[in-house]
Every structure is written in structure tokens, then in C-alpha cells.
Amino acid sequence: MPIEALTKSQLENQPSNRRLHDEYVAFLSSARLGTGGRLYVAKEGTSRQTVKKRLLAAADHVGKKIAFQRSPVEQVVFQVVE
């Protein structure tokens, strides 16, 4: 299969798997050290691992670190850490 060349503007208009989720960014922007959150994987409509990757990307974007805590398979629980 030949490789198709794309311009910069075409690349910017492509959907990205690593795009930031505004809701995650907004939540983490206002989250304080020691606080956290819980997401239900089924409500997110994707895998648990994808939810975690999205949270990590959002945390990185706002300059915070998060740690995941043990939780049932259907949930992702995290805490803002130093």
C-alpha cells in the first residue's frame, strides 16, 4: 500500500486518538493535591486503559500528576499527587 502524503492543515484536521478531553482537563485544572475522582468505564464508552491514558494526558496538560488506585474493573479511581 503506497503512503499518501498529507499537508500540515490536513494533519491538523485529522481526529487524534490522543486528543485531550475537555471534561478531564477542566476537572484536573481545579483539582487540588490529595483530591481525586472516579470514572465509570461503561459511561465513557471505551476501555479502562484508554480512560487511564486520557486522564494521564489531561493531567500532563495541566501540569499535575495523578496516581491510580485499586478499583473494581468497571471503575477508574485516581488521586492528584505531588
PDB file of N, CA and C in Angstrom:
ATOM      1  N   MET A   1       0.847  -1.172   0.000  1.00  0.00           N
ATOM      2  CA  MET A   1       0.000   0.000   0.000  1.00  0.00           C
ATOM      3  C   MET A   1       0.895   1.239   0.000  1.00  0.00           C
ATOM      4  N   PRO A   2       0.730   2.142  -0.966  1.00  0.00           N
ATOM      5  CA  PRO A   2       1.558   3.343  -1.004  1.00  0.00           C
ATOM      6  C   PRO A   2       1.172   4.318   0.117  1.00  0.00           C
ATOM      7  N   ILE A   3       2.133   5.101   0.536  1.00  0.00           N
ATOM      8  CA  ILE A   3       1.907   6.105   1.581  1.00  0.00           C
ATOM      9  C   ILE A   3       1.369   7.372   0.933  1.00  0.00           C
ATOM     10  N   GLU A   4       0.311   7.891   1.493  1.00  0.00           N
ATOM     11  CA  GLU A   4      -0.284   9.123   0.996  1.00  0.00           C
ATOM     12  C   GLU A   4       0.295  10.306   1.768  1.00  0.00           C
ATOM     13  N   ALA A   5       0.811  11.302   1.080  1.00  0.00           N
ATOM     14  CA  ALA A   5       1.359  12.495   1.723  1.00  0.00           C
ATOM     15  C   ALA A   5       0.221  13.408   2.169  1.00  0.00           C
ATOM     16  N   LEU A   6       0.380  13.996   3.354  1.00  0.00           N
ATOM     17  CA  LEU A   6      -0.610  14.918   3.898  1.00  0.00           C
ATOM     18  C   LEU A   6       0.048  16.247   4.217  1.00  0.00           C
ATOM     19  N   THR A   7      -0.683  17.331   3.979  1.00  0.00           N
ATOM     20  CA  THR A   7      -0.172  18.658   4.314  1.00  0.00           C
ATOM     21  C   THR A   7      -0.389  18.907   5.811  1.00  0.00           C
ATOM     22  N   LYS A   8       0.218  19.981   6.289  1.00  0.00           N
ATOM     23  CA  LYS A   8       0.080  20.338   7.699  1.00  0.00           C
ATOM     24  C   LYS A   8      -1.389  20.575   8.062  1.00  0.00           C
ATOM     25  N   SER A   9      -2.124  21.280   7.215  1.00  0.00           N
ATOM     26  CA  SER A   9      -3.529  21.566   7.508  1.00  0.00           C
ATOM     27  C   SER A   9      -4.379  20.295   7.487  1.00  0.00           C
ATOM     28  N   GLN A  10      -4.047  19.356   6.625  1.00  0.00           N
ATOM     29  CA  GLN A  10      -4.772  18.085   6.611  1.00  0.00           C
ATOM     30  C   GLN A  10      -4.521  17.311   7.898  1.00  0.00           C
ATOM     31  N   LEU A  11      -3.286  17.347   8.376  1.00  0.00           N
ATOM     32  CA  LEU A  11      -2.947  16.651   9.613  1.00  0.00           C
ATOM     33  C   LEU A  11      -3.641  17.268  10.820  1.00  0.00           C
ATOM     34  N   GLU A  12      -3.762  18.584  10.827  1.00  0.00           N
ATOM     35  CA  GLU A  12      -4.414  19.268  11.943  1.00  0.00           C
ATOM     36  C   GLU A  12      -5.897  18.941  12.006  1.00  0.00           C
ATOM     37  N   ASN A  13      -6.499  18.618  10.871  1.00  0.00           N
ATOM     38  CA  ASN A  13      -7.925  18.309  10.826  1.00  0.00           C
ATOM     39  C   ASN A  13      -8.230  16.837  11.063  1.00  0.00           C
ATOM     40  N   GLN A  14      -7.197  16.028  11.224  1.00  0.00           N
ATOM     41  CA  GLN A  14      -7.398  14.595  11.472  1.00  0.00           C
ATOM     42  C   GLN A  14      -7.811  14.379  12.923  1.00  0.00           C
ATOM     43  N   PRO A  15      -8.773  13.481  13.158  1.00  0.00           N
ATOM     44  CA  PRO A  15      -9.082  13.162  14.552  1.00  0.00           C
ATOM     45  C   PRO A  15      -7.871  12.471  15.173  1.00  0.00           C
ATOM     46  N   SER A  16      -7.631  12.769  16.417  1.00  0.00           N
ATOM     47  CA  SER A  16      -6.472  12.198  17.087  1.00  0.00           C
ATOM     48  C   SER A  16      -6.905  11.278  18.215  1.00  0.00           C
ATOM     49  N   ASN A  17      -6.255  10.141  18.334  1.00  0.00           N
ATOM     50  CA  ASN A  17      -6.541   9.237  19.444  1.00  0.00           C
ATOM     51  C   ASN A  17      -6.038   9.806  20.760  1.00  0.00           C
ATOM     52  N   ARG A  18      -5.111  10.753  20.711  1.00  0.00           N
ATOM     53  CA  ARG A  18      -4.528  11.311  21.918  1.00  0.00           C
ATOM     54  C   ARG A  18      -5.077  12.703  22.214  1.00  0.00           C
ATOM     55  N   ARG A  19      -6.179  13.044  21.617  1.00  0.00           N
ATOM     56  CA  ARG A  19      -6.716  14.377  21.861  1.00  0.00           C
ATOM     57  C   ARG A  19      -7.120  14.505  23.319  1.00  0.00           C
ATOM     58  N   LEU A  20      -7.054  15.702  23.814  1.00  0.00           N
ATOM     59  CA  LEU A  20      -7.408  15.947  25.205  1.00  0.00           C
ATOM     60  C   LEU A  20      -8.915  16.030  25.342  1.00  0.00           C
ATOM     61  N   HIS A  21      -9.402  15.478  26.376  1.00  0.00           N
ATOM     62  CA  HIS A  21     -10.826  15.546  26.646  1.00  0.00           C
ATOM     63  C   HIS A  21     -11.076  16.727  27.569  1.00  0.00           C
ATOM     64  N   ASP A  22     -11.841  17.686  27.075  1.00  0.00           N
ATOM     65  CA  ASP A  22     -12.069  18.938  27.790  1.00  0.00           C
ATOM     66  C   ASP A  22     -12.588  18.714  29.208  1.00  0.00           C
ATOM     67  N   GLU A  23     -13.456  17.735  29.380  1.00  0.00           N
ATOM     68  CA  GLU A  23     -14.016  17.463  30.699  1.00  0.00           C
ATOM     69  C   GLU A  23     -12.920  17.028  31.673  1.00  0.00           C
ATOM     70  N   TYR A  24     -12.010  16.198  31.210  1.00  0.00           N
ATOM     71  CA  TYR A  24     -10.907  15.733  32.063  1.00  0.00           C
ATOM     72  C   TYR A  24      -9.989  16.894  32.415  1.00  0.00           C
ATOM     73  N   VAL A  25      -9.673  17.719  31.424  1.00  0.00           N
ATOM     74  CA  VAL A  25      -8.792  18.869  31.645  1.00  0.00           C
ATOM     75  C   VAL A  25      -9.432  19.841  32.629  1.00  0.00           C
ATOM     76  N   ALA A  26     -10.702  20.139  32.448  1.00  0.00           N
ATOM     77  CA  ALA A  26     -11.399  21.065  33.340  1.00  0.00           C
ATOM     78  C   ALA A  26     -11.417  20.537  34.774  1.00  0.00           C
ATOM     79  N   PHE A  27     -11.701  19.261  34.936  1.00  0.00           N
ATOM     80  CA  PHE A  27     -11.737  18.681  36.276  1.00  0.00           C
ATOM     81  C   PHE A  27     -10.360  18.762  36.932  1.00  0.00           C
ATOM     82  N   LEU A  28      -9.334  18.349  36.206  1.00  0.00           N
ATOM     83  CA  LEU A  28      -7.996  18.321  36.782  1.00  0.00           C
ATOM     84  C   LEU A  28      -7.423  19.718  36.998  1.00  0.00           C
ATOM     85  N   SER A  29      -7.857  20.682  36.236  1.00  0.00           N
ATOM     86  CA  SER A  29      -7.400  22.064  36.426  1.00  0.00           C
ATOM     87  C   SER A  29      -7.789  22.590  37.794  1.00  0.00           C
ATOM     88  N   SER A  30      -8.966  22.208  38.240  1.00  0.00           N
ATOM     89  CA  SER A  30      -9.447  22.718  39.526  1.00  0.00           C
ATOM     90  C   SER A  30      -9.211  21.745  40.687  1.00  0.00           C
ATOM     91  N   ALA A  31      -8.716  20.556  40.402  1.00  0.00           N
ATOM     92  CA  ALA A  31      -8.483  19.566  41.457  1.00  0.00           C
ATOM     93  C   ALA A  31      -7.273  19.968  42.291  1.00  0.00           C
ATOM     94  N   ARG A  32      -7.388  19.779  43.583  1.00  0.00           N
ATOM     95  CA  ARG A  32      -6.295  20.118  44.495  1.00  0.00           C
ATOM     96  C   ARG A  32      -5.540  18.868  44.900  1.00  0.00           C
ATOM     97  N   LEU A  33      -4.345  19.068  45.378  1.00  0.00           N
ATOM     98  CA  LEU A  33      -3.499  17.988  45.848  1.00  0.00           C
ATOM     99  C   LEU A  33      -4.245  17.140  46.875  1.00  0.00           C
ATOM    100  N   GLY A  34      -4.244  15.858  46.679  1.00  0.00           N
ATOM    101  CA  GLY A  34      -4.904  14.940  47.599  1.00  0.00           C
ATOM    102  C   GLY A  34      -6.330  14.581  47.222  1.00  0.00           C
ATOM    103  N   THR A  35      -6.935  15.395  46.351  1.00  0.00           N
ATOM    104  CA  THR A  35      -8.290  15.069  45.904  1.00  0.00           C
ATOM    105  C   THR A  35      -8.197  14.167  44.681  1.00  0.00           C
ATOM    106  N   GLY A  36      -9.313  13.683  44.238  1.00  0.00           N
ATOM    107  CA  GLY A  36      -9.292  12.803  43.079  1.00  0.00           C
ATOM    108  C   GLY A  36     -10.660  12.656  42.470  1.00  0.00           C
ATOM    109  N   GLY A  37     -10.839  11.548  41.759  1.00  0.00           N
ATOM    110  CA  GLY A  37     -12.113  11.326  41.093  1.00  0.00           C
ATOM    111  C   GLY A  37     -12.303   9.866  40.734  1.00  0.00           C
ATOM    112  N   ARG A  38     -13.502   9.591  40.250  1.00  0.00           N
ATOM    113  CA  ARG A  38     -13.858   8.242  39.830  1.00  0.00           C
ATOM    114  C   ARG A  38     -14.620   8.338  38.522  1.00  0.00           C
ATOM    115  N   LEU A  39     -14.272   7.487  37.597  1.00  0.00           N
ATOM    116  CA  LEU A  39     -14.977   7.380  36.318  1.00  0.00           C
ATOM    117  C   LEU A  39     -15.488   5.962  36.172  1.00  0.00           C
ATOM    118  N   TYR A  40     -16.656   5.829  35.583  1.00  0.00           N
ATOM    119  CA  TYR A  40     -17.210   4.516  35.285  1.00  0.00           C
ATOM    120  C   TYR A  40     -16.932   4.218  33.817  1.00  0.00           C
ATOM    121  N   VAL A  41     -16.193   3.166  33.585  1.00  0.00           N
ATOM    122  CA  VAL A  41     -15.717   2.826  32.244  1.00  0.00           C
ATOM    123  C   VAL A  41     -16.869   2.702  31.254  1.00  0.00           C
ATOM    124  N   ALA A  42     -17.957   2.082  31.637  1.00  0.00           N
ATOM    125  CA  ALA A  42     -19.098   1.888  30.727  1.00  0.00           C
ATOM    126  C   ALA A  42     -19.662   3.228  30.259  1.00  0.00           C
ATOM    127  N   LYS A  43     -19.690   4.223  31.134  1.00  0.00           N
ATOM    128  CA  LYS A  43     -20.216   5.539  30.767  1.00  0.00           C
ATOM    129  C   LYS A  43     -19.288   6.260  29.793  1.00  0.00           C
ATOM    130  N   GLU A  44     -17.997   5.941  29.839  1.00  0.00           N
ATOM    131  CA  GLU A  44     -17.036   6.564  28.938  1.00  0.00           C
ATOM    132  C   GLU A  44     -17.067   5.924  27.559  1.00  0.00           C
ATOM    133  N   GLY A  45     -17.599   4.724  27.474  1.00  0.00           N
ATOM    134  CA  GLY A  45     -17.749   4.057  26.181  1.00  0.00           C
ATOM    135  C   GLY A  45     -16.446   3.585  25.567  1.00  0.00           C
ATOM    136  N   THR A  46     -15.472   3.307  26.396  1.00  0.00           N
ATOM    137  CA  THR A  46     -14.185   2.844  25.896  1.00  0.00           C
ATOM    138  C   THR A  46     -13.544   1.932  26.938  1.00  0.00           C
ATOM    139  N   SER A  47     -12.326   1.517  26.694  1.00  0.00           N
ATOM    140  CA  SER A  47     -11.680   0.593  27.621  1.00  0.00           C
ATOM    141  C   SER A  47     -11.121   1.320  28.849  1.00  0.00           C
ATOM    142  N   ARG A  48     -10.881   0.565  29.876  1.00  0.00           N
ATOM    143  CA  ARG A  48     -10.300   1.086  31.114  1.00  0.00           C
ATOM    144  C   ARG A  48      -8.927   1.708  30.830  1.00  0.00           C
ATOM    145  N   GLN A  49      -8.131   1.027  30.024  1.00  0.00           N
ATOM    146  CA  GLN A  49      -6.790   1.525  29.694  1.00  0.00           C
ATOM    147  C   GLN A  49      -6.856   2.851  28.945  1.00  0.00           C
ATOM    148  N   THR A  50      -7.807   2.999  28.048  1.00  0.00           N
ATOM    149  CA  THR A  50      -7.964   4.249  27.311  1.00  0.00           C
ATOM    150  C   THR A  50      -8.344   5.386  28.237  1.00  0.00           C
ATOM    151  N   VAL A  51      -9.225   5.115  29.180  1.00  0.00           N
ATOM    152  CA  VAL A  51      -9.624   6.137  30.159  1.00  0.00           C
ATOM    153  C   VAL A  51      -8.395   6.595  30.942  1.00  0.00           C
ATOM    154  N   LYS A  52      -7.576   5.644  31.367  1.00  0.00           N
ATOM    155  CA  LYS A  52      -6.373   5.990  32.122  1.00  0.00           C
ATOM    156  C   LYS A  52      -5.417   6.831  31.275  1.00  0.00           C
ATOM    157  N   LYS A  53      -5.228   6.467  30.023  1.00  0.00           N
ATOM    158  CA  LYS A  53      -4.342   7.233  29.142  1.00  0.00           C
ATOM    159  C   LYS A  53      -4.862   8.645  28.932  1.00  0.00           C
ATOM    160  N   ARG A  54      -6.162   8.787  28.785  1.00  0.00           N
ATOM    161  CA  ARG A  54      -6.756  10.118  28.618  1.00  0.00           C
ATOM    162  C   ARG A  54      -6.557  10.963  29.873  1.00  0.00           C
ATOM    163  N   LEU A  55      -6.732  10.347  31.031  1.00  0.00           N
ATOM    164  CA  LEU A  55      -6.521  11.069  32.283  1.00  0.00           C
ATOM    165  C   LEU A  55      -5.069  11.504  32.439  1.00  0.00           C
ATOM    166  N   LEU A  56      -4.147  10.615  32.111  1.00  0.00           N
ATOM    167  CA  LEU A  56      -2.726  10.959  32.206  1.00  0.00           C
ATOM    168  C   LEU A  56      -2.371  12.105  31.258  1.00  0.00           C
ATOM    169  N   ALA A  57      -2.916  12.087  30.054  1.00  0.00           N
ATOM    170  CA  ALA A  57      -2.655  13.156  29.083  1.00  0.00           C
ATOM    171  C   ALA A  57      -3.221  14.485  29.584  1.00  0.00           C
ATOM    172  N   ALA A  58      -4.412  14.463  30.155  1.00  0.00           N
ATOM    173  CA  ALA A  58      -5.030  15.684  30.685  1.00  0.00           C
ATOM    174  C   ALA A  58      -4.240  16.202  31.879  1.00  0.00           C
ATOM    175  N   ALA A  59      -3.801  15.304  32.750  1.00  0.00           N
ATOM    176  CA  ALA A  59      -3.010  15.706  33.917  1.00  0.00           C
ATOM    177  C   ALA A  59      -1.694  16.343  33.466  1.00  0.00           C
ATOM    178  N   ASP A  60      -1.058  15.756  32.494  1.00  0.00           N
ATOM    179  CA  ASP A  60       0.185  16.300  31.964  1.00  0.00           C
ATOM    180  C   ASP A  60      -0.053  17.686  31.369  1.00  0.00           C
ATOM    181  N   HIS A  61      -1.164  17.838  30.686  1.00  0.00           N
ATOM    182  CA  HIS A  61      -1.507  19.111  30.050  1.00  0.00           C
ATOM    183  C   HIS A  61      -1.651  20.235  31.074  1.00  0.00           C
ATOM    184  N   VAL A  62      -2.219  19.936  32.239  1.00  0.00           N
ATOM    185  CA  VAL A  62      -2.421  20.961  33.270  1.00  0.00           C
ATOM    186  C   VAL A  62      -1.279  20.999  34.287  1.00  0.00           C
ATOM    187  N   GLY A  63      -0.259  20.171  34.079  1.00  0.00           N
ATOM    188  CA  GLY A  63       0.905  20.201  34.947  1.00  0.00           C
ATOM    189  C   GLY A  63       0.720  19.532  36.292  1.00  0.00           C
ATOM    190  N   LYS A  64      -0.123  18.529  36.340  1.00  0.00           N
ATOM    191  CA  LYS A  64      -0.343  17.794  37.586  1.00  0.00           C
ATOM    192  C   LYS A  64      -0.007  16.329  37.383  1.00  0.00           C
ATOM    193  N   LYS A  65       0.214  15.659  38.490  1.00  0.00           N
ATOM    194  CA  LYS A  65       0.461  14.215  38.445  1.00  0.00           C
ATOM    195  C   LYS A  65      -0.688  13.518  39.143  1.00  0.00           C
ATOM    196  N   ILE A  66      -1.062  12.370  38.588  1.00  0.00           N
ATOM    197  CA  ILE A  66      -2.115  11.583  39.217  1.00  0.00           C
ATOM    198  C   ILE A  66      -1.616  10.163  39.446  1.00  0.00           C
ATOM    199  N   ALA A  67      -2.214   9.533  40.428  1.00  0.00           N
ATOM    200  CA  ALA A  67      -1.912   8.132  40.725  1.00  0.00           C
ATOM    201  C   ALA A  67      -3.230   7.380  40.721  1.00  0.00           C
ATOM    202  N   PHE A  68      -3.220   6.223  40.108  1.00  0.00           N
ATOM    203  CA  PHE A  68      -4.419   5.397  40.062  1.00  0.00           C
ATOM    204  C   PHE A  68      -4.455   4.498  41.283  1.00  0.00           C
ATOM    205  N   GLN A  69      -5.648   4.308  41.806  1.00  0.00           N
ATOM    206  CA  GLN A  69      -5.823   3.452  42.961  1.00  0.00           C
ATOM    207  C   GLN A  69      -6.557   2.190  42.548  1.00  0.00           C
ATOM    208  N   ARG A  70      -6.344   1.143  43.302  1.00  0.00           N
ATOM    209  CA  ARG A  70      -7.057  -0.104  43.009  1.00  0.00           C
ATOM    210  C   ARG A  70      -8.555   0.160  43.059  1.00  0.00           C
ATOM    211  N   SER A  71      -9.230  -0.397  42.076  1.00  0.00           N
ATOM    212  CA  SER A  71     -10.671  -0.200  41.994  1.00  0.00           C
ATOM    213  C   SER A  71     -11.281  -1.349  41.213  1.00  0.00           C
ATOM    214  N   PRO A  72     -12.604  -1.503  41.331  1.00  0.00           N
ATOM    215  CA  PRO A  72     -13.266  -2.544  40.549  1.00  0.00           C
ATOM    216  C   PRO A  72     -13.029  -2.332  39.046  1.00  0.00           C
ATOM    217  N   VAL A  73     -13.142  -3.391  38.292  1.00  0.00           N
ATOM    218  CA  VAL A  73     -12.861  -3.360  36.851  1.00  0.00           C
ATOM    219  C   VAL A  73     -13.692  -2.309  36.121  1.00  0.00           C
ATOM    220  N   GLU A  74     -14.887  -2.047  36.574  1.00  0.00           N
ATOM    221  CA  GLU A  74     -15.757  -1.107  35.870  1.00  0.00           C
ATOM    222  C   GLU A  74     -15.486   0.356  36.240  1.00  0.00           C
ATOM    223  N   GLN A  75     -14.508   0.609  37.104  1.00  0.00           N
ATOM    224  CA  GLN A  75     -14.201   1.962  37.546  1.00  0.00           C
ATOM    225  C   GLN A  75     -12.728   2.291  37.367  1.00  0.00           C
ATOM    226  N   VAL A  76     -12.448   3.595  37.266  1.00  0.00           N
ATOM    227  CA  VAL A  76     -11.083   4.100  37.330  1.00  0.00           C
ATOM    228  C   VAL A  76     -11.096   5.156  38.425  1.00  0.00           C
ATOM    229  N   VAL A  77     -10.286   4.937  39.450  1.00  0.00           N
ATOM    230  CA  VAL A  77     -10.195   5.860  40.575  1.00  0.00           C
ATOM    231  C   VAL A  77      -8.785   6.435  40.592  1.00  0.00           C
ATOM    232  N   PHE A  78      -8.699   7.751  40.757  1.00  0.00           N
ATOM    233  CA  PHE A  78      -7.388   8.393  40.757  1.00  0.00           C
ATOM    234  C   PHE A  78      -7.327   9.505  41.794  1.00  0.00           C
ATOM    235  N   GLN A  79      -6.082   9.890  42.123  1.00  0.00           N
ATOM    236  CA  GLN A  79      -5.838  10.935  43.099  1.00  0.00           C
ATOM    237  C   GLN A  79      -4.744  11.854  42.561  1.00  0.00           C
ATOM    238  N   VAL A  80      -4.884  13.154  42.799  1.00  0.00           N
ATOM    239  CA  VAL A  80      -3.848  14.111  42.428  1.00  0.00           C
ATOM    240  C   VAL A  80      -2.743  14.015  43.477  1.00  0.00           C
ATOM    241  N   VAL A  81      -1.518  13.799  43.014  1.00  0.00           N
ATOM    242  CA  VAL A  81      -0.376  13.611  43.918  1.00  0.00           C
ATOM    243  C   VAL A  81       0.702  14.651  43.590  1.00  0.00           C
ATOM    244  N   GLU A  82       1.722  14.699  44.412  1.00  0.00           N
ATOM    245  CA  GLU A  82       2.819  15.656  44.223  1.00  0.00           C
ATOM    246  C   GLU A  82       3.557  15.425  42.937  1.00  0.00           C
TER     247      GLU A  82
END
